Amino acid sequence: EAVQAGLAGLRVLPAPALPPDRGSGLTTRQKALDVGFRGVRAPVILTLDADSTLPDGWIARMAGPVLAGEVDAMAGPVGFRPLNGPVALWQSCDAAHYAGVANLLAATGLPSGVFFGNFAFRAGLYDEMGGFEQIGQALTEDLAFARAIARSGGKIALAGAQSRVDVHAAPGLWPLVARTQRVASGPAS
């Protein structure tokens, strides 16, 4: 699929050891993303969760408009599977609500959010915005990134339902709480 999308050199980056923290003020997640984003030698960066299930043609739909120079980034929807209990249903409703609000904000020209669990962007964009040191903090790294793109005048297009990526739902309430605390480590925004 990567070859068909014009990304013959697509590769998954292994998780490198993070450099020692020198008082950067970045969250652990921001540091990991920073190492990954700066390590890319391709025109487009695609971000997913490790447990993602991709629909056929996902790479082309997400990377194509970025490669063509039509947009700076593509944001896609995220769902949770299996839908076998109230926690999974809650996560799916929450993600759909977040995406809906983001879509409404984007439609009115206001800065919106994205999910790094289904995102593609022009590789040079990260360095142009100064990395997370300049991007700053928000509730989540992906929200901070999307707001920085908007501040820089960049364009984020929203992918449709055919680009939805599914990830594993939390197995219960307490794992969901732990995941939420880990992901939402930034300040209120």
N, C-alpha and C. Protein backbone atom coordinates (compact mmCIF):
# COMPACT_ATOMS: atom_id res chain seq x y z
N GLU A 1 0.82 -1.20 0.00
CA GLU A 1 0.00 0.00 0.00
C GLU A 1 0.87 1.26 0.00
N ALA A 2 1.99 1.24 0.71
CA ALA A 2 2.87 2.40 0.76
C ALA A 2 3.42 2.75 -0.62
N VAL A 3 3.79 1.75 -1.40
CA VAL A 3 4.31 1.98 -2.75
C VAL A 3 3.24 2.63 -3.62
N GLN A 4 2.01 2.12 -3.55
CA GLN A 4 0.91 2.67 -4.34
C GLN A 4 0.61 4.12 -3.96
N ALA A 5 0.86 4.47 -2.71
CA ALA A 5 0.60 5.83 -2.24
C ALA A 5 1.76 6.78 -2.55
N GLY A 6 2.81 6.27 -3.19
CA GLY A 6 3.96 7.12 -3.50
C GLY A 6 4.93 7.24 -2.36
N LEU A 7 4.83 6.35 -1.39
CA LEU A 7 5.72 6.37 -0.22
C LEU A 7 6.49 5.06 -0.13
N ALA A 8 7.23 4.74 -1.19
CA ALA A 8 7.94 3.47 -1.24
C ALA A 8 8.90 3.29 -0.08
N GLY A 9 9.41 4.36 0.47
CA GLY A 9 10.37 4.27 1.57
C GLY A 9 9.72 4.27 2.95
N LEU A 10 8.40 4.10 3.01
CA LEU A 10 7.71 4.13 4.30
C LEU A 10 8.28 3.06 5.22
N ARG A 11 8.53 3.45 6.45
CA ARG A 11 9.01 2.48 7.42
C ARG A 11 8.50 2.86 8.80
N VAL A 12 8.41 1.87 9.65
CA VAL A 12 8.02 2.09 11.04
C VAL A 12 9.30 2.37 11.82
N LEU A 13 9.30 3.46 12.55
CA LEU A 13 10.47 3.79 13.35
C LEU A 13 10.43 3.03 14.66
N PRO A 14 11.53 2.38 15.02
CA PRO A 14 11.56 1.72 16.33
C PRO A 14 11.57 2.78 17.43
N ALA A 15 11.15 2.41 18.60
CA ALA A 15 11.12 3.34 19.72
C ALA A 15 12.53 3.47 20.29
N PRO A 16 13.21 4.58 20.01
CA PRO A 16 14.57 4.75 20.53
C PRO A 16 14.54 5.14 22.00
N ALA A 17 15.67 4.98 22.63
CA ALA A 17 15.80 5.45 24.02
C ALA A 17 15.72 6.96 24.00
N LEU A 18 14.99 7.52 24.93
CA LEU A 18 14.87 8.98 24.98
C LEU A 18 16.12 9.58 25.59
N PRO A 19 16.54 10.72 25.06
CA PRO A 19 17.71 11.38 25.65
C PRO A 19 17.38 11.85 27.06
N PRO A 20 18.40 12.03 27.89
CA PRO A 20 18.14 12.50 29.27
C PRO A 20 17.45 13.86 29.24
N ASP A 21 16.57 14.07 30.19
CA ASP A 21 15.87 15.35 30.27
C ASP A 21 16.81 16.40 30.82
N ARG A 22 16.93 17.47 30.10
CA ARG A 22 17.80 18.58 30.52
C ARG A 22 16.95 19.78 30.93
N GLY A 23 15.83 19.50 31.56
CA GLY A 23 14.97 20.58 32.02
C GLY A 23 14.19 21.24 30.90
N SER A 24 13.84 20.47 29.87
CA SER A 24 13.14 21.03 28.71
C SER A 24 11.72 21.45 29.04
N GLY A 25 11.13 20.86 30.06
CA GLY A 25 9.74 21.16 30.37
C GLY A 25 8.76 20.36 29.54
N LEU A 26 9.26 19.52 28.64
CA LEU A 26 8.39 18.70 27.81
C LEU A 26 7.90 17.49 28.60
N THR A 27 6.70 17.04 28.28
CA THR A 27 6.20 15.80 28.87
C THR A 27 6.96 14.63 28.25
N THR A 28 6.89 13.48 28.88
CA THR A 28 7.53 12.28 28.34
C THR A 28 6.99 11.99 26.95
N ARG A 29 5.71 12.14 26.78
CA ARG A 29 5.09 11.89 25.47
C ARG A 29 5.61 12.87 24.42
N GLN A 30 5.73 14.15 24.78
CA GLN A 30 6.27 15.13 23.85
C GLN A 30 7.71 14.79 23.47
N LYS A 31 8.50 14.35 24.45
CA LYS A 31 9.89 13.98 24.16
C LYS A 31 9.94 12.82 23.17
N ALA A 32 9.10 11.82 23.38
CA ALA A 32 9.07 10.66 22.47
C ALA A 32 8.65 11.09 21.07
N LEU A 33 7.61 11.91 20.98
CA LEU A 33 7.18 12.40 19.67
C LEU A 33 8.26 13.25 19.01
N ASP A 34 8.93 14.08 19.79
CA ASP A 34 10.00 14.92 19.27
C ASP A 34 11.11 14.07 18.64
N VAL A 35 11.54 13.02 19.33
CA VAL A 35 12.58 12.14 18.79
C VAL A 35 12.10 11.50 17.49
N GLY A 36 10.85 11.03 17.48
CA GLY A 36 10.32 10.41 16.28
C GLY A 36 10.17 11.38 15.12
N PHE A 37 9.59 12.54 15.38
CA PHE A 37 9.37 13.52 14.31
C PHE A 37 10.69 14.01 13.73
N ARG A 38 11.68 14.25 14.57
CA ARG A 38 12.97 14.74 14.08
C ARG A 38 13.77 13.65 13.37
N GLY A 39 13.41 12.38 13.61
CA GLY A 39 14.12 11.27 12.98
C GLY A 39 13.61 10.88 11.60
N VAL A 40 12.55 11.51 11.16
CA VAL A 40 11.93 11.15 9.88
C VAL A 40 12.71 11.77 8.72
N ARG A 41 12.90 10.98 7.69
CA ARG A 41 13.57 11.46 6.47
C ARG A 41 12.66 11.28 5.27
N ALA A 42 11.41 11.60 5.43
CA ALA A 42 10.41 11.43 4.38
C ALA A 42 9.58 12.72 4.31
N PRO A 43 8.82 12.91 3.24
CA PRO A 43 8.05 14.15 3.11
C PRO A 43 6.80 14.21 3.98
N VAL A 44 6.30 13.05 4.43
CA VAL A 44 5.07 13.01 5.21
C VAL A 44 5.29 12.14 6.45
N ILE A 45 4.75 12.59 7.56
CA ILE A 45 4.75 11.79 8.79
C ILE A 45 3.32 11.34 9.04
N LEU A 46 3.15 10.05 9.27
CA LEU A 46 1.85 9.47 9.60
C LEU A 46 1.92 9.00 11.05
N THR A 47 0.93 9.37 11.85
CA THR A 47 0.93 8.95 13.25
C THR A 47 -0.28 8.07 13.54
N LEU A 48 -0.04 7.03 14.31
CA LEU A 48 -1.06 6.05 14.70
C LEU A 48 -0.77 5.57 16.10
N ASP A 49 -1.73 4.89 16.70
CA ASP A 49 -1.47 4.17 17.93
C ASP A 49 -0.94 2.78 17.56
N ALA A 50 -0.20 2.17 18.47
CA ALA A 50 0.43 0.88 18.18
C ALA A 50 -0.58 -0.22 17.89
N ASP A 51 -1.79 -0.11 18.42
CA ASP A 51 -2.79 -1.16 18.22
C ASP A 51 -3.81 -0.81 17.15
N SER A 52 -3.45 0.06 16.23
CA SER A 52 -4.38 0.52 15.20
C SER A 52 -4.70 -0.54 14.16
N THR A 53 -5.94 -0.55 13.73
CA THR A 53 -6.38 -1.34 12.59
C THR A 53 -6.75 -0.34 11.50
N LEU A 54 -6.06 -0.46 10.35
CA LEU A 54 -6.23 0.52 9.27
C LEU A 54 -7.16 0.00 8.19
N PRO A 55 -7.98 0.87 7.63
CA PRO A 55 -8.79 0.47 6.47
C PRO A 55 -7.91 0.43 5.22
N ASP A 56 -8.30 -0.34 4.24
CA ASP A 56 -7.58 -0.38 2.97
C ASP A 56 -7.52 1.02 2.37
N GLY A 57 -6.38 1.37 1.81
CA GLY A 57 -6.22 2.67 1.17
C GLY A 57 -5.95 3.81 2.13
N TRP A 58 -5.77 3.52 3.41
CA TRP A 58 -5.60 4.58 4.41
C TRP A 58 -4.39 5.46 4.11
N ILE A 59 -3.26 4.85 3.79
CA ILE A 59 -2.04 5.63 3.57
C ILE A 59 -2.27 6.64 2.44
N ALA A 60 -2.82 6.20 1.34
CA ALA A 60 -3.04 7.09 0.20
C ALA A 60 -4.02 8.22 0.55
N ARG A 61 -5.09 7.91 1.27
CA ARG A 61 -6.07 8.94 1.62
C ARG A 61 -5.49 9.97 2.58
N MET A 62 -4.64 9.53 3.49
CA MET A 62 -4.08 10.46 4.46
C MET A 62 -2.87 11.20 3.93
N ALA A 63 -1.97 10.52 3.25
CA ALA A 63 -0.73 11.14 2.77
C ALA A 63 -0.90 11.86 1.44
N GLY A 64 -1.82 11.40 0.61
CA GLY A 64 -1.97 11.96 -0.73
C GLY A 64 -2.15 13.46 -0.79
N PRO A 65 -3.13 14.03 -0.07
CA PRO A 65 -3.32 15.48 -0.13
C PRO A 65 -2.11 16.27 0.41
N VAL A 66 -1.39 15.68 1.37
CA VAL A 66 -0.20 16.35 1.91
C VAL A 66 0.91 16.32 0.86
N LEU A 67 1.12 15.15 0.25
CA LEU A 67 2.15 15.02 -0.80
C LEU A 67 1.85 15.94 -1.98
N ALA A 68 0.59 16.12 -2.30
CA ALA A 68 0.19 16.96 -3.43
C ALA A 68 0.28 18.45 -3.11
N GLY A 69 0.56 18.80 -1.85
CA GLY A 69 0.66 20.20 -1.45
C GLY A 69 -0.68 20.88 -1.27
N GLU A 70 -1.76 20.10 -1.22
CA GLU A 70 -3.10 20.67 -1.05
C GLU A 70 -3.33 21.15 0.39
N VAL A 71 -2.74 20.44 1.34
CA VAL A 71 -2.91 20.75 2.77
C VAL A 71 -1.58 20.50 3.48
N ASP A 72 -1.48 21.01 4.69
CA ASP A 72 -0.31 20.74 5.52
C ASP A 72 -0.49 19.48 6.35
N ALA A 73 -1.75 19.14 6.61
CA ALA A 73 -2.02 17.97 7.45
C ALA A 73 -3.41 17.40 7.15
N MET A 74 -3.56 16.13 7.45
CA MET A 74 -4.84 15.42 7.34
C MET A 74 -5.16 14.82 8.70
N ALA A 75 -6.38 15.03 9.16
CA ALA A 75 -6.82 14.47 10.44
C ALA A 75 -7.97 13.51 10.19
N GLY A 76 -7.89 12.33 10.79
CA GLY A 76 -8.93 11.33 10.59
C GLY A 76 -9.59 10.90 11.88
N PRO A 77 -10.75 10.26 11.75
CA PRO A 77 -11.48 9.81 12.94
C PRO A 77 -10.88 8.54 13.55
N VAL A 78 -11.15 8.37 14.83
CA VAL A 78 -10.69 7.19 15.58
C VAL A 78 -11.90 6.53 16.22
N GLY A 79 -11.93 5.20 16.18
CA GLY A 79 -12.97 4.43 16.84
C GLY A 79 -12.34 3.41 17.77
N PHE A 80 -13.15 2.83 18.62
CA PHE A 80 -12.66 1.84 19.59
C PHE A 80 -13.38 0.52 19.37
N ARG A 81 -12.61 -0.56 19.35
CA ARG A 81 -13.12 -1.92 19.15
C ARG A 81 -12.50 -2.85 20.17
N PRO A 82 -13.13 -3.89 20.55
CA PRO A 82 -14.51 -4.24 20.22
C PRO A 82 -15.49 -3.44 21.07
N LEU A 83 -16.65 -3.18 20.52
CA LEU A 83 -17.70 -2.47 21.25
C LEU A 83 -18.47 -3.48 22.09
N ASN A 84 -17.84 -3.97 23.13
CA ASN A 84 -18.43 -5.05 23.90
C ASN A 84 -18.76 -4.68 25.34
N GLY A 85 -18.91 -3.43 25.61
CA GLY A 85 -19.26 -3.04 26.97
C GLY A 85 -19.38 -1.54 27.08
N PRO A 86 -19.80 -1.06 28.25
CA PRO A 86 -20.03 0.37 28.43
C PRO A 86 -18.78 1.22 28.28
N VAL A 87 -17.61 0.71 28.67
CA VAL A 87 -16.39 1.51 28.56
C VAL A 87 -16.05 1.75 27.09
N ALA A 88 -16.13 0.70 26.28
CA ALA A 88 -15.84 0.83 24.85
C ALA A 88 -16.85 1.77 24.18
N LEU A 89 -18.11 1.64 24.56
CA LEU A 89 -19.13 2.54 24.01
C LEU A 89 -18.85 3.99 24.41
N TRP A 90 -18.48 4.19 25.67
CA TRP A 90 -18.15 5.53 26.15
C TRP A 90 -16.98 6.11 25.36
N GLN A 91 -15.92 5.31 25.18
CA GLN A 91 -14.76 5.80 24.45
C GLN A 91 -15.12 6.18 23.01
N SER A 92 -15.94 5.36 22.37
CA SER A 92 -16.33 5.65 20.99
C SER A 92 -17.19 6.90 20.92
N CYS A 93 -18.13 7.05 21.85
CA CYS A 93 -18.97 8.26 21.88
C CYS A 93 -18.12 9.50 22.17
N ASP A 94 -17.19 9.38 23.10
CA ASP A 94 -16.31 10.49 23.45
C ASP A 94 -15.47 10.91 22.24
N ALA A 95 -14.89 9.93 21.55
CA ALA A 95 -14.07 10.23 20.36
C ALA A 95 -14.92 10.87 19.27
N ALA A 96 -16.12 10.36 19.07
CA ALA A 96 -17.02 10.92 18.05
C ALA A 96 -17.42 12.36 18.42
N HIS A 97 -17.67 12.61 19.69
CA HIS A 97 -18.01 13.95 20.14
C HIS A 97 -16.84 14.91 19.91
N TYR A 98 -15.63 14.48 20.30
CA TYR A 98 -14.44 15.31 20.11
C TYR A 98 -14.25 15.63 18.63
N ALA A 99 -14.36 14.60 17.78
CA ALA A 99 -14.20 14.81 16.33
C ALA A 99 -15.29 15.73 15.80
N GLY A 100 -16.51 15.58 16.28
CA GLY A 100 -17.60 16.45 15.84
C GLY A 100 -17.37 17.90 16.20
N VAL A 101 -16.94 18.14 17.43
CA VAL A 101 -16.64 19.51 17.86
C VAL A 101 -15.47 20.07 17.05
N ALA A 102 -14.42 19.24 16.84
CA ALA A 102 -13.28 19.68 16.04
C ALA A 102 -13.72 20.04 14.63
N ASN A 103 -14.60 19.23 14.05
CA ASN A 103 -15.09 19.51 12.69
C ASN A 103 -15.88 20.82 12.65
N LEU A 104 -16.72 21.05 13.66
CA LEU A 104 -17.49 22.31 13.71
C LEU A 104 -16.56 23.52 13.85
N LEU A 105 -15.58 23.40 14.72
CA LEU A 105 -14.62 24.50 14.88
C LEU A 105 -13.88 24.77 13.58
N ALA A 106 -13.42 23.69 12.94
CA ALA A 106 -12.69 23.85 11.68
C ALA A 106 -13.57 24.47 10.60
N ALA A 107 -14.84 24.09 10.57
CA ALA A 107 -15.76 24.63 9.56
C ALA A 107 -15.99 26.12 9.74
N THR A 108 -15.84 26.61 10.96
CA THR A 108 -16.03 28.04 11.22
C THR A 108 -14.71 28.81 11.16
N GLY A 109 -13.62 28.10 10.87
CA GLY A 109 -12.32 28.75 10.78
C GLY A 109 -11.59 28.90 12.09
N LEU A 110 -12.13 28.30 13.14
CA LEU A 110 -11.46 28.37 14.45
C LEU A 110 -10.50 27.20 14.62
N PRO A 111 -9.46 27.37 15.45
CA PRO A 111 -8.54 26.26 15.68
C PRO A 111 -9.28 25.07 16.30
N SER A 112 -8.95 23.89 15.82
CA SER A 112 -9.61 22.70 16.34
C SER A 112 -8.57 21.67 16.76
N GLY A 113 -9.03 20.53 17.16
CA GLY A 113 -8.14 19.47 17.60
C GLY A 113 -8.06 18.35 16.59
N VAL A 114 -7.10 17.47 16.81
CA VAL A 114 -6.91 16.29 15.97
C VAL A 114 -6.55 15.12 16.89
N PHE A 115 -6.55 13.93 16.35
CA PHE A 115 -6.07 12.75 17.06
C PHE A 115 -4.74 12.33 16.45
N PHE A 116 -3.67 12.28 17.22
CA PHE A 116 -2.43 11.71 16.69
C PHE A 116 -2.62 10.23 16.38
N GLY A 117 -3.71 9.63 16.85
CA GLY A 117 -4.02 8.25 16.53
C GLY A 117 -4.46 8.05 15.09
N ASN A 118 -4.62 9.14 14.32
CA ASN A 118 -4.99 9.07 12.91
C ASN A 118 -4.67 10.43 12.29
N PHE A 119 -3.42 10.62 11.94
CA PHE A 119 -2.97 11.95 11.51
C PHE A 119 -1.83 11.81 10.53
N ALA A 120 -1.74 12.73 9.59
CA ALA A 120 -0.63 12.81 8.64
C ALA A 120 -0.28 14.29 8.46
N PHE A 121 1.00 14.58 8.37
CA PHE A 121 1.39 15.98 8.18
C PHE A 121 2.71 16.09 7.43
N ARG A 122 2.90 17.25 6.84
CA ARG A 122 4.13 17.55 6.11
C ARG A 122 5.28 17.53 7.10
N ALA A 123 6.30 16.74 6.82
CA ALA A 123 7.38 16.51 7.77
C ALA A 123 8.08 17.79 8.21
N GLY A 124 8.30 18.73 7.31
CA GLY A 124 8.99 19.96 7.67
C GLY A 124 8.22 20.86 8.62
N LEU A 125 6.94 20.62 8.74
CA LEU A 125 6.07 21.47 9.56
C LEU A 125 6.52 21.50 11.02
N TYR A 126 6.91 20.36 11.56
CA TYR A 126 7.28 20.28 12.97
C TYR A 126 8.47 21.21 13.27
N ASP A 127 9.52 21.12 12.47
CA ASP A 127 10.68 21.98 12.70
C ASP A 127 10.35 23.45 12.43
N GLU A 128 9.53 23.71 11.41
CA GLU A 128 9.14 25.09 11.11
C GLU A 128 8.43 25.75 12.29
N MET A 129 7.68 24.95 13.04
CA MET A 129 6.94 25.48 14.19
C MET A 129 7.80 25.49 15.45
N GLY A 130 9.06 25.02 15.36
CA GLY A 130 9.97 25.09 16.49
C GLY A 130 9.91 23.92 17.44
N GLY A 131 9.28 22.83 17.03
CA GLY A 131 9.17 21.67 17.91
C GLY A 131 8.25 21.97 19.08
N PHE A 132 8.11 21.00 19.97
CA PHE A 132 7.21 21.18 21.10
C PHE A 132 7.68 22.28 22.06
N GLU A 133 8.97 22.62 22.03
CA GLU A 133 9.44 23.71 22.87
C GLU A 133 8.72 25.01 22.52
N GLN A 134 8.48 25.25 21.23
CA GLN A 134 7.78 26.46 20.79
C GLN A 134 6.28 26.26 20.64
N ILE A 135 5.88 25.03 20.32
CA ILE A 135 4.46 24.74 20.15
C ILE A 135 3.72 24.98 21.45
N GLY A 136 4.34 24.59 22.55
CA GLY A 136 3.75 24.82 23.86
C GLY A 136 2.88 23.69 24.34
N GLN A 137 2.19 23.94 25.43
CA GLN A 137 1.41 22.93 26.12
C GLN A 137 -0.08 23.14 25.88
N ALA A 138 -0.79 22.04 25.91
CA ALA A 138 -2.25 22.02 25.94
C ALA A 138 -2.62 20.74 26.67
N LEU A 139 -3.87 20.45 26.76
CA LEU A 139 -4.30 19.25 27.47
C LEU A 139 -3.64 18.01 26.89
N THR A 140 -3.53 17.93 25.56
CA THR A 140 -2.85 16.81 24.90
C THR A 140 -1.89 17.36 23.85
N GLU A 141 -0.91 16.54 23.49
CA GLU A 141 0.08 16.95 22.50
C GLU A 141 -0.55 17.19 21.14
N ASP A 142 -1.52 16.36 20.78
CA ASP A 142 -2.13 16.53 19.46
C ASP A 142 -2.95 17.82 19.39
N LEU A 143 -3.59 18.19 20.48
CA LEU A 143 -4.32 19.45 20.51
C LEU A 143 -3.36 20.63 20.38
N ALA A 144 -2.25 20.59 21.12
CA ALA A 144 -1.25 21.66 21.02
C ALA A 144 -0.71 21.77 19.59
N PHE A 145 -0.46 20.62 18.96
CA PHE A 145 0.07 20.59 17.60
C PHE A 145 -0.92 21.20 16.62
N ALA A 146 -2.19 20.81 16.72
CA ALA A 146 -3.21 21.35 15.83
C ALA A 146 -3.36 22.85 16.00
N ARG A 147 -3.32 23.32 17.22
CA ARG A 147 -3.43 24.77 17.45
C ARG A 147 -2.23 25.51 16.89
N ALA A 148 -1.04 24.90 16.97
CA ALA A 148 0.16 25.53 16.42
C ALA A 148 0.08 25.60 14.90
N ILE A 149 -0.47 24.57 14.28
CA ILE A 149 -0.65 24.61 12.82
C ILE A 149 -1.57 25.77 12.46
N ALA A 150 -2.65 25.93 13.20
CA ALA A 150 -3.59 27.03 12.93
C ALA A 150 -2.90 28.38 13.12
N ARG A 151 -2.13 28.52 14.20
CA ARG A 151 -1.43 29.80 14.45
C ARG A 151 -0.45 30.13 13.33
N SER A 152 0.16 29.09 12.74
CA SER A 152 1.16 29.31 11.68
C SER A 152 0.51 29.53 10.31
N GLY A 153 -0.82 29.47 10.25
CA GLY A 153 -1.52 29.66 8.98
C GLY A 153 -1.62 28.39 8.15
N GLY A 154 -1.26 27.25 8.73
CA GLY A 154 -1.33 25.99 8.02
C GLY A 154 -2.75 25.49 7.87
N LYS A 155 -2.92 24.57 6.95
CA LYS A 155 -4.25 24.04 6.67
C LYS A 155 -4.32 22.56 7.04
N ILE A 156 -5.32 22.21 7.85
CA ILE A 156 -5.61 20.83 8.22
C ILE A 156 -6.92 20.44 7.55
N ALA A 157 -6.89 19.38 6.76
CA ALA A 157 -8.12 18.85 6.15
C ALA A 157 -8.60 17.68 6.99
N LEU A 158 -9.89 17.46 6.98
CA LEU A 158 -10.50 16.40 7.75
C LEU A 158 -10.87 15.24 6.84
N ALA A 159 -10.33 14.07 7.15
CA ALA A 159 -10.63 12.86 6.37
C ALA A 159 -12.00 12.34 6.78
N GLY A 160 -12.67 11.70 5.86
CA GLY A 160 -14.00 11.18 6.12
C GLY A 160 -13.98 9.83 6.83
N ALA A 161 -15.17 9.28 7.00
CA ALA A 161 -15.35 8.03 7.74
C ALA A 161 -14.58 6.86 7.11
N GLN A 162 -14.34 6.91 5.81
CA GLN A 162 -13.62 5.82 5.14
C GLN A 162 -12.16 5.74 5.61
N SER A 163 -11.68 6.77 6.30
CA SER A 163 -10.31 6.78 6.82
C SER A 163 -10.26 6.51 8.32
N ARG A 164 -11.36 6.07 8.88
CA ARG A 164 -11.40 5.80 10.33
C ARG A 164 -10.43 4.70 10.70
N VAL A 165 -9.70 4.93 11.77
CA VAL A 165 -8.77 3.97 12.33
C VAL A 165 -9.37 3.46 13.64
N ASP A 166 -9.36 2.15 13.83
CA ASP A 166 -9.87 1.57 15.08
C ASP A 166 -8.71 1.14 15.97
N VAL A 167 -8.87 1.39 17.26
CA VAL A 167 -7.90 0.95 18.26
C VAL A 167 -8.63 0.15 19.33
N HIS A 168 -7.87 -0.55 20.15
CA HIS A 168 -8.47 -1.37 21.19
C HIS A 168 -9.07 -0.49 22.29
N ALA A 169 -10.27 -0.83 22.68
CA ALA A 169 -10.91 -0.14 23.79
C ALA A 169 -10.26 -0.58 25.10
N ALA A 170 -10.33 0.29 26.09
CA ALA A 170 -9.83 -0.07 27.42
C ALA A 170 -10.65 -1.24 27.94
N PRO A 171 -10.01 -2.20 28.61
CA PRO A 171 -10.73 -3.38 29.07
C PRO A 171 -11.67 -3.14 30.25
N GLY A 172 -11.62 -1.98 30.86
CA GLY A 172 -12.49 -1.70 31.99
C GLY A 172 -12.33 -0.26 32.44
N LEU A 173 -13.06 0.10 33.49
CA LEU A 173 -13.07 1.48 33.96
C LEU A 173 -11.71 1.94 34.46
N TRP A 174 -11.04 1.17 35.32
CA TRP A 174 -9.77 1.63 35.90
C TRP A 174 -8.66 1.71 34.87
N PRO A 175 -8.57 0.79 33.92
CA PRO A 175 -7.59 1.00 32.85
C PRO A 175 -7.90 2.24 32.00
N LEU A 176 -9.19 2.56 31.84
CA LEU A 176 -9.56 3.78 31.12
C LEU A 176 -9.11 5.02 31.89
N VAL A 177 -9.30 5.02 33.20
CA VAL A 177 -8.88 6.14 34.03
C VAL A 177 -7.36 6.31 33.94
N ALA A 178 -6.62 5.19 34.03
CA ALA A 178 -5.16 5.26 33.94
C ALA A 178 -4.72 5.78 32.58
N ARG A 179 -5.37 5.34 31.51
CA ARG A 179 -5.04 5.81 30.15
C ARG A 179 -5.33 7.30 30.03
N THR A 180 -6.45 7.74 30.57
CA THR A 180 -6.82 9.15 30.50
C THR A 180 -5.81 10.01 31.24
N GLN A 181 -5.38 9.57 32.40
CA GLN A 181 -4.39 10.33 33.16
C GLN A 181 -3.06 10.41 32.42
N ARG A 182 -2.70 9.35 31.74
CA ARG A 182 -1.43 9.31 31.00
C ARG A 182 -1.50 10.22 29.77
N VAL A 183 -2.61 10.18 29.04
CA VAL A 183 -2.74 10.92 27.79
C VAL A 183 -2.97 12.40 28.04
N ALA A 184 -3.77 12.74 29.02
CA ALA A 184 -4.13 14.13 29.29
C ALA A 184 -3.25 14.69 30.39
N SER A 185 -1.95 14.72 30.15
CA SER A 185 -1.01 15.15 31.18
C SER A 185 -0.72 16.64 31.14
N GLY A 186 -1.20 17.34 30.14
CA GLY A 186 -0.92 18.76 30.02
C GLY A 186 -1.91 19.60 30.80
N PRO A 187 -1.72 20.91 30.75
CA PRO A 187 -2.61 21.82 31.47
C PRO A 187 -3.99 21.91 30.78
N ALA A 188 -4.97 22.36 31.54
CA ALA A 188 -6.31 22.58 30.96
C ALA A 188 -6.20 23.55 29.81
N SER A 189 -6.99 23.28 28.75
CA SER A 189 -6.91 24.19 27.60
C SER A 189 -8.26 24.36 26.96
